[in-house]
């Protein structure tokens, strides 16, 4: 992985994700982190804190609204009708930035491994609220915002998730 000149900062209190490049503010996005708050334990439904990196970028050629299950596009495009047919799905849409923890014992390895918890930055239905904690652990973004962010960062981009 090459060294990134960008850095992401997710603030769980403000529900924002900020993109910095070479120390300069590039963009701030509204997000939705975990309804269960901050935490690192497997199965907690919490958003992990600390230093992470973008380990993988998934969905580059997919249309806006593409539905992902297990990091694979299903061929479906999100719609109200699809949502009505599958009311219990945790919708992962459009793009995925898969995160990996950098701090052994805090967010990497064992029962606190961010990557094995499948924690992403991803798109969600545009009807979902931003600025409030409502996810199952991931960081949700508006679809247009996650497409923009996906193009602005590369694998290896560091992200600090803080309260």
Protein backbone atom coordinates (compact mmCIF):
# COMPACT_ATOMS: atom_id res chain seq x y z
CA UNK A 1 0.00 0.00 0.00
CA UNK A 2 1.36 3.40 -0.93
CA UNK A 3 1.45 6.18 1.62
CA UNK A 4 -1.57 8.46 1.38
CA UNK A 5 -1.42 12.26 1.52
CA UNK A 6 -5.02 12.25 2.74
CA UNK A 7 -6.37 11.65 6.24
CA UNK A 8 -9.94 11.04 7.37
CA UNK A 9 -11.29 12.01 10.79
CA UNK A 10 -14.65 10.62 11.92
CA UNK A 11 -16.09 12.44 14.91
CA UNK A 12 -18.82 10.34 16.53
CA UNK A 13 -20.07 13.16 18.75
CA UNK A 14 -20.54 15.59 15.84
CA UNK A 15 -21.47 12.78 13.38
CA UNK A 16 -19.05 14.14 10.79
CA UNK A 17 -16.34 12.73 8.56
CA UNK A 18 -13.63 15.19 7.55
CA UNK A 19 -11.20 14.70 4.67
CA UNK A 20 -7.84 16.43 5.10
CA UNK A 21 -5.09 16.57 2.47
CA UNK A 22 -1.61 17.73 3.43
CA UNK A 23 -3.07 19.39 6.54
CA UNK A 24 -5.75 21.30 4.60
CA UNK A 25 -9.50 20.75 4.99
CA UNK A 26 -10.90 19.33 1.76
CA UNK A 27 -14.45 18.36 2.72
CA UNK A 28 -16.67 17.57 5.70
CA UNK A 29 -19.58 15.14 5.38
CA UNK A 30 -22.47 14.30 7.68
CA UNK A 31 -22.48 10.64 8.71
CA UNK A 32 -24.43 8.18 10.81
CA UNK A 33 -22.41 5.96 13.14
CA UNK A 34 -23.65 3.18 15.44
CA UNK A 35 -26.92 3.45 17.31
CA UNK A 36 -25.16 1.49 20.10
CA UNK A 37 -22.43 4.13 20.42
CA UNK A 38 -18.68 3.65 20.35
CA UNK A 39 -17.02 0.34 21.13
CA UNK A 40 -14.65 -2.21 19.73
CA UNK A 41 -15.98 -5.64 20.82
CA UNK A 42 -17.09 -8.21 18.26
CA UNK A 43 -20.89 -8.42 18.17
CA UNK A 44 -21.40 -5.11 20.01
CA UNK A 45 -23.00 -3.24 17.12
CA UNK A 46 -20.75 -0.30 18.05
CA UNK A 47 -18.47 1.88 15.93
CA UNK A 48 -14.81 1.19 16.76
CA UNK A 49 -12.56 4.04 17.85
CA UNK A 50 -8.91 4.75 17.21
CA UNK A 51 -6.54 4.66 14.26
CA UNK A 52 -7.60 2.71 11.17
CA UNK A 53 -6.78 2.56 7.46
CA UNK A 54 -8.90 2.06 4.37
CA UNK A 55 -7.93 -1.55 3.59
CA UNK A 56 -10.10 -2.04 0.47
CA UNK A 57 -12.28 -0.03 -1.88
CA UNK A 58 -15.24 -1.96 -3.29
CA UNK A 59 -17.79 -1.00 -5.93
CA UNK A 60 -15.87 1.33 -8.24
CA UNK A 61 -17.85 0.43 -11.36
CA UNK A 62 -21.24 -0.02 -9.69
CA UNK A 63 -24.17 2.34 -10.23
CA UNK A 64 -25.42 4.59 -7.46
CA UNK A 65 -27.81 2.59 -5.31
CA UNK A 66 -26.16 -0.77 -6.05
CA UNK A 67 -26.93 -3.22 -3.24
CA UNK A 68 -24.08 -5.15 -1.58
CA UNK A 69 -24.31 -8.29 0.53
CA UNK A 70 -21.06 -9.78 1.82
CA UNK A 71 -19.14 -7.09 -0.10
CA UNK A 72 -20.54 -8.35 -3.40
CA UNK A 73 -22.96 -6.46 -5.62
CA UNK A 74 -26.24 -8.38 -5.81
CA UNK A 75 -27.29 -6.86 -9.13
CA UNK A 76 -30.14 -5.05 -7.36
CA UNK A 77 -30.56 -1.28 -7.27
CA UNK A 78 -32.11 0.08 -4.09
CA UNK A 79 -35.70 1.27 -4.42
CA UNK A 80 -38.65 1.76 -2.07
CA UNK A 81 -40.20 -1.43 -3.52
CA UNK A 82 -37.04 -3.43 -2.76
CA UNK A 83 -36.95 -1.96 0.76
CA UNK A 84 -40.55 -3.03 1.29
CA UNK A 85 -39.75 -6.60 0.16
CA UNK A 86 -36.75 -6.82 2.54
CA UNK A 87 -37.64 -4.64 5.55
CA UNK A 88 -34.98 -6.15 7.84
CA UNK A 89 -31.94 -5.65 5.60
CA UNK A 90 -29.11 -3.40 6.73
CA UNK A 91 -28.71 -1.64 3.38
CA UNK A 92 -25.11 -1.33 2.19
CA UNK A 93 -25.25 0.68 -1.01
CA UNK A 94 -23.19 2.25 -3.81
CA UNK A 95 -19.56 2.01 -2.47
CA UNK A 96 -17.68 0.37 0.40
CA UNK A 97 -14.49 1.55 2.09
CA UNK A 98 -13.51 -1.44 4.28
CA UNK A 99 -11.64 -0.37 7.42
CA UNK A 100 -8.83 -2.15 9.25
CA UNK A 101 -7.69 -1.25 12.77
CA UNK A 102 -4.06 -0.26 13.41
CA UNK A 103 -3.92 -0.68 17.20
CA UNK A 104 -3.40 -4.30 18.40
CA UNK A 105 -5.65 -5.05 21.36
CA UNK A 106 -7.77 -1.93 20.77
CA UNK A 107 -9.17 -2.32 17.23
CA UNK A 108 -6.95 -4.99 15.68
CA UNK A 109 -6.74 -8.76 16.31
CA UNK A 110 -8.74 -10.92 18.70
CA UNK A 111 -12.24 -9.90 19.78
CA UNK A 112 -11.74 -6.25 18.73
CA UNK A 113 -10.64 -6.61 15.10
CA UNK A 114 -12.36 -3.93 13.00
CA UNK A 115 -11.78 -5.70 9.71
CA UNK A 116 -13.14 -9.05 10.97
CA UNK A 117 -16.14 -7.12 12.31
CA UNK A 118 -16.77 -5.96 8.71
CA UNK A 119 -16.79 -2.27 9.60
CA UNK A 120 -17.15 -0.06 6.52
CA UNK A 121 -17.82 3.43 5.36
CA UNK A 122 -20.70 2.86 2.94
CA UNK A 123 -23.72 4.37 1.27
CA UNK A 124 -27.24 3.87 2.60
CA UNK A 125 -30.77 4.79 1.50
CA UNK A 126 -31.02 8.55 1.13
CA UNK A 127 -34.12 8.42 3.35
CA UNK A 128 -31.96 7.38 6.34
CA UNK A 129 -31.06 10.22 8.70
CA UNK A 130 -27.56 11.69 8.78
CA UNK A 131 -26.15 13.49 11.78
CA UNK A 132 -27.64 10.94 14.19
CA UNK A 133 -26.28 7.61 15.39
CA UNK A 134 -28.44 4.95 13.69
CA UNK A 135 -26.18 2.32 12.05
CA UNK A 136 -25.32 -1.24 13.12
CA UNK A 137 -21.65 -0.28 13.63
CA UNK A 138 -20.51 1.02 10.26
CA UNK A 139 -20.23 4.63 9.17
CA UNK A 140 -23.10 5.43 6.82
CA UNK A 141 -23.02 8.23 4.27
CA UNK A 142 -25.31 9.68 1.63
CA UNK A 143 -24.76 7.91 -1.70
CA UNK A 144 -23.52 11.01 -3.54
CA UNK A 145 -21.09 11.72 -0.68
CA UNK A 146 -19.67 8.19 -0.56
CA UNK A 147 -19.12 8.25 -4.35
CA UNK A 148 -17.23 11.54 -4.01
CA UNK A 149 -15.17 10.30 -1.05
CA UNK A 150 -14.41 7.00 -2.83
CA UNK A 151 -12.80 8.95 -5.68
CA UNK A 152 -10.82 11.21 -3.34
CA UNK A 153 -9.12 8.56 -1.18
CA UNK A 154 -7.03 5.48 -1.90
CA UNK A 155 -6.38 2.26 -0.06
CA UNK A 156 -4.01 2.96 2.80
CA UNK A 157 -5.66 6.27 3.69
CA UNK A 158 -5.54 6.65 7.49
CA UNK A 159 -8.75 7.33 9.39
CA UNK A 160 -9.04 8.36 13.01
CA UNK A 161 -12.39 7.55 14.61
CA UNK A 162 -12.87 9.65 17.74
CA UNK A 163 -15.62 10.70 20.14
